[in-house]
Amino acid sequence: MRRISLIPLLLVGCVQLPPTPEDIQSRKFESVPDKAVIYIVRTPMDSREAGTIWLDDKAQITTYGGTYYRWEVSPGAHRLAGFAGQSGHIELNAQGGQIYFVRHTVLGTVRSGVQFTNLQKISDQEGRALVSKARLL
């Protein structure tokens, strides 16, 4: 009788894909002179539940644990808000040529769904560290 080791098969499923060209470009953290750049990032240890964020009630993204998104916006006041339930929000007075980092936290389970979301502006150092560990949406 032949024995097949499952360990190599399991490890193959854990191979991380190389970053896309967009991901590489986003991780350069380059500012845009006439725009503000907002990075939305979720930690890898966050809930498995998806979390939706609105930008000024016009654009939306859905984040997952261990992901990030780069938004280029016009200078001025912007409102980032979660969707449904106990959704958090944050107001940013964005300036052209500046980069902002916002941590998006989602708490919930598959059974109960999203129970709580939070948006928090974080430091440049913490934001860059989190983005470097995350993958671009």
Protein backbone atom coordinates (compact mmCIF):
# COMPACT_ATOMS: atom_id res chain seq x y z
CA MET A 1 0.00 0.00 0.00
CA ARG A 2 1.32 3.45 -0.90
CA ARG A 3 1.32 6.29 1.55
CA ILE A 4 0.84 9.80 0.30
CA SER A 5 2.10 12.61 2.44
CA LEU A 6 -0.45 15.39 2.72
CA ILE A 7 2.00 17.93 4.10
CA PRO A 8 3.45 18.97 0.68
CA LEU A 9 -0.08 19.24 -0.71
CA LEU A 10 -1.16 21.47 2.17
CA LEU A 11 1.90 23.69 1.82
CA VAL A 12 1.22 24.22 -1.89
CA GLY A 13 -2.13 25.75 -0.95
CA CYS A 14 -0.30 28.31 1.24
CA VAL A 15 2.03 29.65 -1.45
CA GLN A 16 1.61 33.40 -1.70
CA LEU A 17 1.22 34.84 -5.19
CA PRO A 18 3.72 37.50 -6.25
CA PRO A 19 2.53 41.11 -5.96
CA THR A 20 0.86 42.67 -8.97
CA PRO A 21 2.39 45.73 -10.69
CA GLU A 22 -0.36 47.86 -9.08
CA ASP A 23 0.55 46.50 -5.64
CA ILE A 24 4.24 47.25 -6.19
CA GLN A 25 3.42 50.79 -7.32
CA SER A 26 1.07 51.41 -4.37
CA ARG A 27 3.74 50.29 -1.88
CA LYS A 28 6.05 53.06 -3.06
CA PHE A 29 3.83 55.42 -1.02
CA GLU A 30 4.15 58.23 -3.56
CA SER A 31 2.13 61.36 -3.01
CA VAL A 32 0.26 63.13 -5.79
CA PRO A 33 0.74 66.95 -5.92
CA ASP A 34 -2.88 67.90 -6.64
CA LYS A 35 -4.52 64.97 -4.80
CA ALA A 36 -4.54 63.50 -1.32
CA VAL A 37 -3.84 59.79 -0.97
CA ILE A 38 -5.77 57.72 1.59
CA TYR A 39 -4.71 54.18 2.38
CA ILE A 40 -7.41 52.02 3.98
CA VAL A 41 -5.84 48.96 5.63
CA ARG A 42 -7.06 45.97 7.64
CA THR A 43 -4.82 43.87 9.83
CA PRO A 44 -4.31 40.20 8.94
CA MET A 45 -5.79 39.14 12.30
CA ASP A 46 -9.05 41.01 11.71
CA SER A 47 -12.43 39.29 11.31
CA ARG A 48 -13.01 37.11 8.24
CA GLU A 49 -16.11 39.14 7.50
CA ALA A 50 -16.12 41.65 4.65
CA GLY A 51 -16.45 45.32 5.57
CA THR A 52 -17.80 47.98 3.25
CA ILE A 53 -16.63 51.60 3.40
CA TRP A 54 -18.18 54.61 1.70
CA LEU A 55 -16.19 57.66 0.66
CA ASP A 56 -18.45 60.76 0.74
CA ASP A 57 -21.50 58.59 -0.02
CA LYS A 58 -20.24 58.33 -3.62
CA ALA A 59 -17.64 55.58 -3.87
CA GLN A 60 -17.39 52.34 -1.96
CA ILE A 61 -14.96 49.50 -1.40
CA THR A 62 -15.21 46.22 0.45
CA THR A 63 -12.23 45.22 2.58
CA TYR A 64 -11.14 41.87 4.00
CA GLY A 65 -8.65 40.95 6.69
CA GLY A 66 -5.09 41.54 5.50
CA THR A 67 -6.01 43.84 2.59
CA TYR A 68 -5.53 47.48 1.74
CA TYR A 69 -6.82 50.00 -0.77
CA ARG A 70 -5.31 53.25 -2.08
CA TRP A 71 -7.75 56.10 -2.76
CA GLU A 72 -6.62 59.27 -4.52
CA VAL A 73 -9.02 62.08 -3.67
CA SER A 74 -9.32 65.80 -4.30
CA PRO A 75 -8.18 68.05 -1.44
CA GLY A 76 -10.84 69.05 1.08
CA ALA A 77 -13.15 67.49 3.64
CA HIS A 78 -13.95 63.81 3.16
CA ARG A 79 -16.08 61.42 5.18
CA LEU A 80 -15.22 57.73 5.36
CA ALA A 81 -17.99 55.62 6.83
CA GLY A 82 -18.71 51.95 7.37
CA PHE A 83 -21.91 50.38 6.13
CA ALA A 84 -24.75 49.04 8.31
CA GLY A 85 -24.84 47.97 11.94
CA GLN A 86 -22.47 49.60 14.40
CA SER A 87 -20.50 51.36 11.67
CA GLY A 88 -17.77 53.79 12.48
CA HIS A 89 -16.85 56.89 10.52
CA ILE A 90 -14.02 59.38 10.27
CA GLU A 91 -13.71 62.87 8.84
CA LEU A 92 -10.49 63.84 7.07
CA ASN A 93 -9.52 67.32 5.94
CA ALA A 94 -7.25 66.07 3.18
CA GLN A 95 -4.52 68.27 1.73
CA GLY A 96 -3.01 67.86 -1.73
CA GLY A 97 0.35 66.11 -1.75
CA GLN A 98 -0.32 64.40 1.61
CA ILE A 99 -0.72 60.71 2.45
CA TYR A 100 -3.13 59.46 5.13
CA PHE A 101 -3.50 56.01 6.66
CA VAL A 102 -6.78 54.70 8.10
CA ARG A 103 -7.11 51.36 9.87
CA HIS A 104 -10.43 49.64 9.19
CA THR A 105 -11.45 47.17 11.91
CA VAL A 106 -14.35 44.77 11.44
CA LEU A 107 -15.73 42.53 14.18
CA GLY A 108 -18.16 39.75 13.42
CA THR A 109 -18.62 36.09 12.63
CA VAL A 110 -20.00 34.05 9.78
CA ARG A 111 -22.99 33.20 11.94
CA SER A 112 -23.81 36.70 13.18
CA GLY A 113 -22.39 38.80 10.35
CA VAL A 114 -20.68 42.13 10.91
CA GLN A 115 -21.39 43.44 14.39
CA PHE A 116 -19.08 46.43 14.56
CA THR A 117 -16.72 48.43 12.37
CA ASN A 118 -14.25 51.13 13.26
CA LEU A 119 -12.15 53.57 11.24
CA GLN A 120 -9.13 55.16 12.87
CA LYS A 121 -6.48 57.47 11.45
CA ILE A 122 -3.07 55.99 12.25
CA SER A 123 0.51 57.21 12.04
CA ASP A 124 2.55 57.14 8.87
CA GLN A 125 4.92 54.58 10.40
CA GLU A 126 2.14 52.23 11.54
CA GLY A 127 0.26 52.63 8.26
CA ARG A 128 3.28 51.78 6.10
CA ALA A 129 4.04 48.75 8.27
CA LEU A 130 0.47 47.43 7.96
CA VAL A 131 0.32 48.04 4.20
CA SER A 132 3.63 46.24 3.72
CA LYS A 133 2.05 43.09 5.25
CA ALA A 134 -1.27 43.39 3.39
CA ARG A 135 -2.34 42.77 -0.20
CA LEU A 136 -3.95 45.26 -2.54
CA LEU A 137 -7.66 44.86 -3.22
